[in-house]
Amino acid sequence: MGTINYQERIPNNVDLGNDRRLQRALEAWQPNYIDWWMEMGPEGFQQDDVYLRTAVSVDRDGWAHFGHVKMPDYRWGIFLTPSDPDRAIHFGDHMGEKAWQKVPGEYRNILRRIIVTQGDTEPASVEQQRLLGQTCPSLYDLRNLFQVNVEEGRHLWAMVYLLHRYFGRDGREEAEALLERRSGDVDSPRILGAFNEPCEHWLSFFCFTTFTDRDGKYQLRALAESGFDPLARTTNFMLTEEAHHMFVGHTGVGRVLKKSAEMMKQGDPRKLGAIPVEMVQKYINLWYSLSLDLFGGEDSSNAATFFGASLKGRDQEGKDGKYDEHTALGQTYDLAVFDKDGNHVIETLPLRRAMNEVLRDAYVEDCEKVIKSWNRILEKAGCDLRVSLPHRRFHRHQGVYSGLYFTPEGEWLRPEQWQARKHTWLPTPEDSAYVKSLMTKAIVAPGQFADWIAPPPRGINGQPIDFDYVDFH
């Protein structure tokens, strides 16, 4: 296990000490970042000692150090997976060329756009979740929230490093703008829609970290294939940390469902202070559909450009046997397209233009596994109810299904039919009010949990469930 050099302002494995210009630029950016963190990070807990995992290296057995630390003192470092001098580009028009260590001039603008869009999601989620600590269901969950928050902050640092290191003045200006936008702000919102949605309670948080962070997983996996080697190496390490974020959501929703199933044996879950399975389903529908939009349009010239330029690949593009070939030329993808009257045809797209949908396919398959695990929890608890994923056409605001209406089963609806039935599928203001009524105070005694959620089977890093995960000051 490595140790953290707390005297080093920016822990890194990119030899920052020998690039004084870059180090000075990042050290000048750091105070603005801390100002942003104090303003928009977790409210009310900045002086408390939190049991956090901090990256200390990229080694398999030594990439994390656990210990209590105040969040403003957390070491947001810059870590890339080890370089492979023989790495070659393995997809797109540049397949077979040596991976780029510098930004190709012809792709400078679109590569910067990719990095900025990814970078913008990281602080956005922190902003969405900044008030959740005040209604935490346990110290265990409070600690997990803060772990997600500080690692999203580190992922912002990872993208800012790339902007500063490889994009000159334009990159520095973009790095500043990442701290100026705000989630949900009318005049300066975050770039992607789901990151402007309010995350007002813990059920939304658990669904967000299940579905929206899982979108992040697939975006990072696509970028980890990039021919621009520093981006690929950066996102590869980010994926190591992203896994915990999805774990928090996956297990969180599972614990909510377990508690609901237990309460159903005694009567109406609502009267017993639990969240009914049907209400959990509505939040699954909401956050899953919002997350589907994050992949972009089904028919996308940008996706074709990114793939052709060897900047963004498919999920596990380089895995042996995953794909028959890696140029995606002369191949097609069939897509059902509807008009405003509900008529539909199957359009055959060039495969490169369908790369967003190819990545969405991998995401949907992964989410189906999550649903199966939640249904096993319900089954084991003796509950007859089950949860499901809505069809990918349901409640979409991007792509070919935007502006159209469908049931969770994917059946076309007229607008008036949607208006009459939408509240049976999506959370109502009354649903939100009920969920928030269960979360009016923080449960902070070690080992105690709110009535609406079951305890986890084990603690973090081998610690007991009743460990003092947060020391308050």
Protein backbone atom coordinates (compact mmCIF):
# COMPACT_ATOMS: atom_id res chain seq x y z
CA MET A 1 0.00 0.00 0.00
CA GLY A 2 1.39 3.36 -0.96
CA THR A 3 1.35 6.48 1.16
CA ILE A 4 0.19 9.95 0.23
CA ASN A 5 2.64 12.80 0.03
CA TYR A 6 0.55 15.46 1.74
CA GLN A 7 3.24 18.07 1.07
CA GLU A 8 2.70 17.69 -2.66
CA ARG A 9 -0.01 20.02 -3.90
CA ILE A 10 -0.89 17.92 -6.93
CA PRO A 11 0.01 14.20 -6.58
CA ASN A 12 0.65 12.80 -10.03
CA ASN A 13 2.46 10.25 -12.16
CA VAL A 14 2.85 12.57 -15.17
CA ASP A 15 6.20 14.05 -14.10
CA LEU A 16 4.60 17.38 -13.32
CA GLY A 17 7.64 18.53 -11.35
CA ASN A 18 9.72 18.66 -14.52
CA ASP A 19 7.18 20.77 -16.42
CA ARG A 20 7.25 24.00 -14.47
CA ARG A 21 5.01 25.90 -16.88
CA LEU A 22 2.28 23.28 -16.64
CA GLN A 23 2.70 22.92 -12.89
CA ARG A 24 2.36 26.69 -12.40
CA ALA A 25 -0.74 26.75 -14.62
CA LEU A 26 -2.43 23.95 -12.65
CA GLU A 27 -1.41 25.48 -9.32
CA ALA A 28 -2.99 28.73 -10.48
CA TRP A 29 -6.18 26.83 -11.40
CA GLN A 30 -6.26 25.00 -8.07
CA PRO A 31 -7.45 27.93 -5.86
CA ASN A 32 -10.38 28.51 -8.23
CA TYR A 33 -11.20 24.84 -7.98
CA ILE A 34 -11.14 24.98 -4.17
CA ASP A 35 -13.37 28.06 -4.27
CA TRP A 36 -15.79 26.14 -6.47
CA TRP A 37 -15.64 23.12 -4.15
CA MET A 38 -16.36 25.22 -1.05
CA GLU A 39 -19.27 26.94 -2.80
CA MET A 40 -20.79 24.02 -4.71
CA GLY A 41 -19.44 20.90 -2.96
CA PRO A 42 -21.17 19.06 -0.09
CA GLU A 43 -22.80 21.71 2.07
CA GLY A 44 -22.20 21.61 5.80
CA PHE A 45 -19.51 18.92 6.00
CA GLN A 46 -16.30 20.57 4.80
CA GLN A 47 -14.60 20.52 8.19
CA ASP A 48 -15.48 16.92 9.06
CA ASP A 49 -13.06 14.01 8.78
CA VAL A 50 -14.35 11.49 6.24
CA TYR A 51 -13.07 7.95 5.70
CA LEU A 52 -12.08 8.31 2.05
CA ARG A 53 -10.15 6.40 -0.55
CA THR A 54 -7.42 8.46 -2.19
CA ALA A 55 -5.52 7.50 -5.34
CA VAL A 56 -1.81 7.09 -4.62
CA SER A 57 -0.68 5.11 -7.67
CA VAL A 58 -2.08 3.16 -10.59
CA ASP A 59 -0.69 -0.19 -9.46
CA ARG A 60 -3.20 -3.03 -9.16
CA ASP A 61 -2.53 -3.50 -5.43
CA GLY A 62 -1.68 0.03 -4.47
CA TRP A 63 -3.95 2.48 -6.24
CA ALA A 64 -5.99 3.45 -3.16
CA HIS A 65 -5.24 4.63 0.36
CA PHE A 66 -8.01 4.74 2.99
CA GLY A 67 -8.02 7.19 5.85
CA HIS A 68 -9.93 10.04 7.47
CA VAL A 69 -9.40 13.37 5.74
CA LYS A 70 -11.24 16.68 5.46
CA MET A 71 -12.66 16.98 1.95
CA PRO A 72 -11.02 20.35 1.13
CA ASP A 73 -7.69 18.66 2.00
CA TYR A 74 -8.33 15.69 -0.28
CA ARG A 75 -5.49 15.23 -2.76
CA TRP A 76 -7.05 15.49 -6.21
CA GLY A 77 -4.21 14.00 -8.18
CA ILE A 78 -3.49 13.33 -11.86
CA PHE A 79 -2.98 9.68 -12.75
CA LEU A 80 -2.66 7.92 -16.09
CA THR A 81 -2.26 4.18 -16.58
CA PRO A 82 1.26 3.15 -17.64
CA SER A 83 2.32 4.02 -21.16
CA ASP A 84 2.81 1.29 -23.76
CA PRO A 85 5.43 2.54 -26.26
CA ASP A 86 4.25 -0.03 -28.80
CA ARG A 87 0.56 0.81 -28.61
CA ALA A 88 -1.05 1.16 -32.03
CA ILE A 89 -4.39 2.65 -33.03
CA HIS A 90 -6.78 -0.26 -33.50
CA PHE A 91 -9.87 1.21 -35.17
CA GLY A 92 -11.08 3.85 -37.61
CA ASP A 93 -9.24 5.47 -40.50
CA HIS A 94 -5.92 5.51 -38.64
CA MET A 95 -5.92 1.85 -37.69
CA GLY A 96 -2.39 0.49 -37.57
CA GLU A 97 -0.71 3.84 -36.96
CA LYS A 98 1.23 4.40 -33.77
CA ALA A 99 -0.95 5.93 -31.04
CA TRP A 100 -0.66 9.72 -30.89
CA GLN A 101 1.21 11.33 -28.01
CA LYS A 102 0.34 14.82 -29.26
CA VAL A 103 -2.94 16.21 -30.54
CA PRO A 104 -3.25 15.78 -34.32
CA GLY A 105 -3.79 19.26 -35.72
CA GLU A 106 -6.73 18.26 -37.91
CA TYR A 107 -8.60 16.87 -34.87
CA ARG A 108 -7.72 19.55 -32.35
CA ASN A 109 -11.17 21.14 -32.11
CA ILE A 110 -13.25 17.97 -31.97
CA LEU A 111 -10.88 16.34 -29.49
CA ARG A 112 -11.08 19.39 -27.24
CA ARG A 113 -14.87 19.23 -27.52
CA ILE A 114 -14.88 15.57 -26.44
CA ILE A 115 -12.70 16.31 -23.41
CA VAL A 116 -14.70 19.38 -22.37
CA THR A 117 -18.02 17.52 -22.62
CA GLN A 118 -16.70 14.67 -20.47
CA GLY A 119 -15.10 17.11 -18.05
CA ASP A 120 -18.30 19.10 -17.65
CA THR A 121 -20.20 16.10 -16.29
CA GLU A 122 -17.84 15.70 -13.33
CA PRO A 123 -18.47 18.94 -11.39
CA ALA A 124 -22.11 18.88 -12.50
CA SER A 125 -22.90 15.76 -10.49
CA VAL A 126 -21.23 17.24 -7.40
CA GLU A 127 -23.47 20.29 -7.76
CA GLN A 128 -26.57 18.14 -8.17
CA GLN A 129 -25.78 16.22 -4.96
CA ARG A 130 -24.47 19.00 -2.73
CA LEU A 131 -27.39 19.03 -0.26
CA LEU A 132 -27.94 15.29 0.09
CA GLY A 133 -25.68 14.92 3.11
CA GLN A 134 -28.20 16.80 5.21
CA THR A 135 -30.69 13.92 4.87
CA CYS A 136 -28.35 10.92 4.75
CA PRO A 137 -29.83 7.56 5.80
CA SER A 138 -26.63 6.51 7.63
CA LEU A 139 -22.96 7.32 8.16
CA TYR A 140 -22.14 4.51 5.74
CA ASP A 141 -24.20 6.18 3.01
CA LEU A 142 -22.88 9.64 3.88
CA ARG A 143 -19.35 8.42 3.43
CA ASN A 144 -20.23 6.81 0.08
CA LEU A 145 -21.79 10.06 -1.13
CA PHE A 146 -18.63 11.97 -0.27
CA GLN A 147 -16.43 9.32 -1.92
CA VAL A 148 -18.40 9.74 -5.13
CA ASN A 149 -18.13 13.53 -4.84
CA VAL A 150 -14.37 13.74 -4.33
CA GLU A 151 -13.70 11.26 -7.12
CA GLU A 152 -15.89 13.23 -9.51
CA GLY A 153 -13.70 16.17 -8.51
CA ARG A 154 -10.59 14.13 -9.32
CA HIS A 155 -12.06 13.21 -12.69
CA LEU A 156 -12.49 16.91 -13.37
CA TRP A 157 -8.80 17.33 -12.57
CA ALA A 158 -8.00 14.54 -15.05
CA MET A 159 -9.76 16.36 -17.89
CA VAL A 160 -8.34 19.74 -16.87
CA TYR A 161 -4.83 18.28 -17.00
CA LEU A 162 -5.41 17.24 -20.61
CA LEU A 163 -6.79 20.68 -21.49
CA HIS A 164 -3.83 22.48 -19.90
CA ARG A 165 -1.20 20.08 -21.15
CA TYR A 166 -2.27 19.73 -24.78
CA PHE A 167 -4.49 22.67 -25.80
CA GLY A 168 -2.66 25.86 -24.83
CA ARG A 169 -4.67 29.02 -24.21
CA ASP A 170 -7.89 27.47 -25.55
CA GLY A 171 -7.50 24.65 -23.07
CA ARG A 172 -6.89 26.99 -20.15
CA GLU A 173 -9.99 29.00 -21.03
CA GLU A 174 -12.07 25.83 -21.28
CA ALA A 175 -10.73 24.69 -17.89
CA GLU A 176 -11.89 27.96 -16.33
CA ALA A 177 -15.33 27.61 -17.95
CA LEU A 178 -15.73 24.18 -16.33
CA LEU A 179 -15.83 25.98 -12.98
CA GLU A 180 -18.18 28.70 -14.18
CA ARG A 181 -21.14 26.67 -15.44
CA ARG A 182 -23.65 25.44 -12.86
CA SER A 183 -26.04 22.50 -12.87
CA GLY A 184 -29.56 23.73 -13.59
CA ASP A 185 -28.54 27.36 -14.02
CA VAL A 186 -30.84 29.18 -16.46
CA ASP A 187 -28.11 31.31 -18.01
CA SER A 188 -25.09 28.99 -17.77
CA PRO A 189 -26.22 25.36 -17.45
CA ARG A 190 -24.13 22.25 -17.75
CA ILE A 191 -23.70 20.92 -21.29
CA LEU A 192 -25.74 17.70 -21.06
CA GLY A 193 -29.38 17.60 -20.04
CA ALA A 194 -29.31 14.92 -17.33
CA PHE A 195 -26.73 16.95 -15.44
CA ASN A 196 -29.15 19.84 -15.08
CA GLU A 197 -31.88 17.72 -13.51
CA PRO A 198 -32.43 18.18 -9.76
CA CYS A 199 -31.24 15.31 -7.57
CA GLU A 200 -33.34 16.19 -4.56
CA HIS A 201 -33.32 13.01 -2.51
CA TRP A 202 -31.48 9.76 -1.98
CA LEU A 203 -33.65 7.60 -4.22
CA SER A 204 -32.76 9.89 -7.12
CA PHE A 205 -29.11 9.76 -6.03
CA PHE A 206 -29.10 5.96 -6.06
CA CYS A 207 -30.79 5.88 -9.47
CA PHE A 208 -28.38 8.54 -10.78
CA THR A 209 -25.32 6.58 -9.67
CA THR A 210 -26.82 3.38 -11.09
CA PHE A 211 -27.82 4.70 -14.50
CA THR A 212 -26.10 8.04 -15.17
CA ASP A 213 -22.74 6.95 -13.81
CA ARG A 214 -23.13 3.76 -15.85
CA ASP A 215 -23.48 5.97 -18.93
CA GLY A 216 -20.21 7.51 -17.76
CA LYS A 217 -18.68 4.04 -17.66
CA TYR A 218 -19.49 3.44 -21.33
CA GLN A 219 -18.40 6.90 -22.44
CA LEU A 220 -15.08 6.34 -20.64
CA ARG A 221 -14.70 2.87 -22.12
CA ALA A 222 -15.22 4.30 -25.61
CA LEU A 223 -12.63 7.02 -24.92
CA ALA A 224 -10.23 4.47 -23.44
CA GLU A 225 -9.92 3.08 -26.99
CA SER A 226 -8.85 6.49 -28.35
CA GLY A 227 -5.91 6.86 -30.66
CA PHE A 228 -4.93 9.92 -28.59
CA ASP A 229 -2.92 7.99 -26.03
CA PRO A 230 -3.05 10.44 -23.08
CA LEU A 231 -6.85 10.44 -23.23
CA ALA A 232 -6.99 6.65 -23.39
CA ARG A 233 -4.63 6.28 -20.43
CA THR A 234 -6.50 8.91 -18.40
CA THR A 235 -9.95 7.37 -18.89
CA ASN A 236 -8.66 3.88 -18.21
CA PHE A 237 -7.72 4.92 -14.69
CA MET A 238 -10.96 6.87 -14.21
CA LEU A 239 -12.85 3.63 -14.86
CA THR A 240 -11.21 2.10 -11.81
CA GLU A 241 -12.84 4.72 -9.60
CA GLU A 242 -16.13 4.83 -11.53
CA ALA A 243 -16.89 1.25 -10.49
CA HIS A 244 -17.50 2.34 -6.88
CA HIS A 245 -19.97 5.01 -7.99
CA MET A 246 -22.10 2.40 -9.74
CA PHE A 247 -21.77 0.09 -6.73
CA VAL A 248 -23.22 2.83 -4.51
CA GLY A 249 -26.27 3.20 -6.75
CA HIS A 250 -26.76 -0.48 -7.55
CA THR A 251 -26.65 -1.58 -3.91
CA GLY A 252 -28.53 1.52 -2.74
CA VAL A 253 -31.60 0.81 -4.89
CA GLY A 254 -31.35 -2.85 -3.94
CA ARG A 255 -31.46 -1.95 -0.24
CA VAL A 256 -34.48 0.31 -0.82
CA LEU A 257 -36.29 -2.54 -2.59
CA LYS A 258 -35.37 -5.02 0.12
CA LYS A 259 -36.83 -2.76 2.79
CA SER A 260 -39.99 -2.21 0.76
CA ALA A 261 -40.45 -5.96 0.29
CA GLU A 262 -39.99 -6.53 4.01
CA MET A 263 -42.56 -3.87 4.87
CA MET A 264 -45.10 -5.28 2.38
CA LYS A 265 -45.35 -8.38 4.54
CA GLN A 266 -46.66 -6.14 7.34
CA GLY A 267 -48.97 -3.95 5.26
CA ASP A 268 -48.90 -0.87 3.06
CA PRO A 269 -45.24 0.26 2.70
CA ARG A 270 -46.35 3.91 2.59
CA LYS A 271 -48.01 3.63 5.98
CA LEU A 272 -44.88 1.96 7.36
CA GLY A 273 -42.42 4.60 6.11
CA ALA A 274 -40.96 2.66 3.20
CA ILE A 275 -40.86 3.46 -0.53
CA PRO A 276 -43.25 1.23 -2.52
CA VAL A 277 -41.78 -0.85 -5.32
CA GLU A 278 -44.09 0.89 -7.81
CA MET A 279 -42.66 4.26 -6.81
CA VAL A 280 -39.09 2.99 -7.15
CA GLN A 281 -40.06 1.86 -10.66
CA LYS A 282 -41.04 5.42 -11.57
CA TYR A 283 -37.59 6.70 -10.60
CA ILE A 284 -35.96 3.88 -12.54
CA ASN A 285 -37.98 5.00 -15.57
CA LEU A 286 -36.96 8.63 -15.07
CA TRP A 287 -33.22 8.29 -14.56
CA TYR A 288 -32.75 5.46 -17.06
CA SER A 289 -34.47 7.45 -19.82
CA LEU A 290 -32.51 10.60 -18.96
CA SER A 291 -29.30 8.58 -19.08
CA LEU A 292 -30.16 7.04 -22.45
CA ASP A 293 -30.23 10.57 -23.87
CA LEU A 294 -26.61 11.10 -22.85
CA PHE A 295 -25.41 8.81 -25.63
CA GLY A 296 -26.64 11.29 -28.24
CA GLY A 297 -28.64 10.80 -31.41
CA GLU A 298 -29.14 7.39 -32.98
CA ASP A 299 -28.09 8.73 -36.37
CA SER A 300 -25.09 10.95 -35.74
CA SER A 301 -22.56 12.49 -38.07
CA ASN A 302 -20.50 13.43 -35.02
CA ALA A 303 -20.34 9.80 -33.91
CA ALA A 304 -19.21 8.83 -37.42
CA THR A 305 -16.52 11.53 -37.32
CA PHE A 306 -15.26 10.51 -33.87
CA PHE A 307 -14.99 6.86 -34.89
CA GLY A 308 -13.50 7.53 -38.30
CA ALA A 309 -10.92 9.86 -36.75
CA SER A 310 -9.94 7.07 -34.33
CA LEU A 311 -10.83 9.30 -31.36
CA LYS A 312 -13.71 7.34 -29.81
CA GLY A 313 -14.22 3.63 -30.32
CA ARG A 314 -16.89 1.09 -29.49
CA ASP A 315 -17.13 -0.58 -26.11
CA GLN A 316 -14.05 -2.80 -25.73
CA GLU A 317 -13.03 -2.16 -29.33
CA GLY A 318 -9.64 -3.72 -28.72
CA LYS A 319 -10.89 -6.90 -27.05
CA ASP A 320 -10.01 -10.02 -29.01
CA GLY A 321 -13.03 -11.50 -30.75
CA LYS A 322 -15.40 -8.67 -29.78
CA TYR A 323 -15.78 -7.30 -33.34
CA ASP A 324 -15.15 -8.88 -36.72
CA GLU A 325 -13.43 -5.79 -38.10
CA HIS A 326 -12.56 -2.30 -36.90
CA THR A 327 -13.15 0.21 -39.69
CA ALA A 328 -16.99 -0.09 -39.66
CA LEU A 329 -17.00 0.61 -43.40
CA GLY A 330 -19.51 -1.17 -45.60
CA GLN A 331 -21.55 -2.21 -42.55
CA THR A 332 -25.02 -1.11 -41.48
CA TYR A 333 -27.36 -0.81 -38.49
CA ASP A 334 -31.16 -1.16 -38.65
CA LEU A 335 -33.20 1.38 -36.69
CA ALA A 336 -36.98 1.74 -36.22
CA VAL A 337 -38.00 5.33 -36.97
CA PHE A 338 -41.50 6.72 -36.24
CA ASP A 339 -43.40 9.71 -37.58
CA LYS A 340 -45.84 11.90 -35.65
CA ASP A 341 -48.74 9.63 -36.65
CA GLY A 342 -47.15 6.49 -35.25
CA ASN A 343 -46.13 5.00 -38.58
CA HIS A 344 -42.68 3.51 -38.56
CA VAL A 345 -40.14 2.15 -40.97
CA ILE A 346 -36.83 0.41 -40.53
CA GLU A 347 -34.03 2.69 -41.66
CA THR A 348 -30.68 1.16 -42.51
CA LEU A 349 -27.87 3.42 -41.33
CA PRO A 350 -24.17 3.26 -42.18
CA LEU A 351 -22.66 1.69 -39.08
CA ARG A 352 -20.38 4.62 -38.36
CA ARG A 353 -23.37 6.95 -38.11
CA ALA A 354 -24.97 4.52 -35.62
CA MET A 355 -22.03 4.38 -33.21
CA ASN A 356 -23.97 6.13 -30.44
CA GLU A 357 -26.62 3.43 -30.74
CA VAL A 358 -24.00 0.67 -30.73
CA LEU A 359 -22.65 2.04 -27.46
CA ARG A 360 -26.20 2.41 -26.12
CA ASP A 361 -26.79 -1.28 -26.94
CA ALA A 362 -23.92 -2.26 -24.64
CA TYR A 363 -25.29 0.04 -21.93
CA VAL A 364 -28.81 -1.41 -22.16
CA GLU A 365 -27.46 -4.94 -21.85
CA ASP A 366 -25.51 -3.95 -18.74
CA CYS A 367 -28.55 -2.27 -17.18
CA GLU A 368 -30.62 -5.40 -17.79
CA LYS A 369 -28.19 -7.29 -15.53
CA VAL A 370 -28.74 -4.70 -12.80
CA ILE A 371 -32.52 -5.15 -13.07
CA LYS A 372 -32.15 -8.92 -12.75
CA SER A 373 -30.14 -8.49 -9.55
CA TRP A 374 -32.83 -6.21 -8.07
CA ASN A 375 -35.52 -8.70 -8.96
CA ARG A 376 -33.57 -11.46 -7.23
CA ILE A 377 -33.69 -9.31 -4.08
CA LEU A 378 -37.47 -8.98 -4.40
CA GLU A 379 -37.87 -12.69 -5.07
CA LYS A 380 -35.70 -13.68 -2.13
CA ALA A 381 -37.77 -11.40 0.11
CA GLY A 382 -40.94 -13.18 -0.96
CA CYS A 383 -42.31 -10.22 -2.95
CA ASP A 384 -44.34 -10.92 -6.10
CA LEU A 385 -43.60 -7.52 -7.66
CA ARG A 386 -40.74 -6.98 -10.12
CA VAL A 387 -39.01 -3.95 -11.62
CA SER A 388 -38.07 -3.51 -15.27
CA LEU A 389 -36.32 -1.21 -17.71
CA PRO A 390 -38.57 0.91 -19.91
CA HIS A 391 -38.07 0.65 -23.66
CA ARG A 392 -35.33 2.87 -25.04
CA ARG A 393 -37.99 4.87 -26.92
CA PHE A 394 -39.70 5.88 -23.66
CA HIS A 395 -39.41 9.50 -22.41
CA ARG A 396 -36.62 10.51 -24.75
CA HIS A 397 -35.50 14.09 -25.34
CA GLN A 398 -32.61 13.43 -27.73
CA GLY A 399 -32.46 11.58 -31.02
CA VAL A 400 -35.09 10.18 -33.36
CA TYR A 401 -37.62 9.55 -30.55
CA SER A 402 -37.48 13.06 -29.15
CA GLY A 403 -40.83 14.82 -29.35
CA LEU A 404 -42.69 11.52 -29.70
CA TYR A 405 -44.49 9.55 -27.00
CA PHE A 406 -44.24 5.89 -26.10
CA THR A 407 -45.29 3.56 -23.29
CA PRO A 408 -42.60 1.87 -21.19
CA GLU A 409 -43.16 -1.12 -23.49
CA GLY A 410 -42.24 1.00 -26.52
CA GLU A 411 -45.75 1.37 -27.96
CA TRP A 412 -46.47 4.68 -29.76
CA LEU A 413 -48.93 7.09 -28.12
CA ARG A 414 -50.78 10.18 -29.23
CA PRO A 415 -49.85 13.28 -27.19
CA GLU A 416 -53.19 13.29 -25.35
CA GLN A 417 -52.73 9.63 -24.45
CA TRP A 418 -49.31 10.41 -23.01
CA GLN A 419 -50.65 13.31 -20.96
CA ALA A 420 -53.37 11.11 -19.52
CA ARG A 421 -51.04 8.28 -18.50
CA LYS A 422 -47.57 9.74 -17.92
CA HIS A 423 -48.04 10.04 -14.15
CA THR A 424 -48.44 6.28 -13.90
CA TRP A 425 -44.92 5.90 -15.30
CA LEU A 426 -42.97 8.93 -14.05
CA PRO A 427 -42.71 10.49 -10.57
CA THR A 428 -45.41 13.00 -9.71
CA PRO A 429 -44.95 16.01 -7.40
CA GLU A 430 -46.83 13.96 -4.82
CA ASP A 431 -44.38 11.06 -5.22
CA SER A 432 -41.46 13.43 -4.76
CA ALA A 433 -43.07 15.00 -1.71
CA TYR A 434 -43.62 11.57 -0.16
CA VAL A 435 -40.04 10.43 -0.75
CA LYS A 436 -38.68 13.69 0.66
CA SER A 437 -40.98 13.36 3.69
CA LEU A 438 -39.05 10.22 4.63
CA MET A 439 -35.75 12.10 4.44
CA THR A 440 -36.16 15.12 6.66
CA LYS A 441 -33.09 14.57 8.83
CA ALA A 442 -29.69 12.95 8.74
CA ILE A 443 -29.14 9.60 10.51
CA VAL A 444 -25.60 9.96 11.81
CA ALA A 445 -25.29 7.55 14.76
CA PRO A 446 -22.83 4.78 13.80
CA GLY A 447 -24.66 1.61 12.78
CA GLN A 448 -28.10 3.20 12.58
CA PHE A 449 -30.13 3.40 9.35
CA ALA A 450 -33.23 5.25 8.21
CA ASP A 451 -36.45 3.23 8.21
CA TRP A 452 -36.78 3.33 4.42
CA ILE A 453 -33.55 1.46 3.59
CA ALA A 454 -31.99 -1.84 4.63
CA PRO A 455 -28.42 -1.96 6.01
CA PRO A 456 -25.69 -3.20 3.67
CA PRO A 457 -24.30 -6.72 4.19
CA ARG A 458 -20.80 -5.38 4.91
CA GLY A 459 -18.87 -2.16 5.42
CA ILE A 460 -16.25 -0.37 3.33
CA ASN A 461 -12.67 -1.65 3.07
CA GLY A 462 -13.25 -4.42 5.59
CA GLN A 463 -14.60 -2.06 8.22
CA PRO A 464 -17.71 -2.97 10.22
CA ILE A 465 -21.07 -1.47 9.27
CA ASP A 466 -21.09 0.58 12.48
CA PHE A 467 -17.63 2.04 11.82
CA ASP A 468 -17.22 5.76 12.44
CA TYR A 469 -17.11 6.65 8.73
CA VAL A 470 -17.43 10.39 9.41
CA ASP A 471 -15.99 12.21 12.44
CA PHE A 472 -17.91 15.43 12.97
CA HIS A 473 -16.30 18.67 14.13
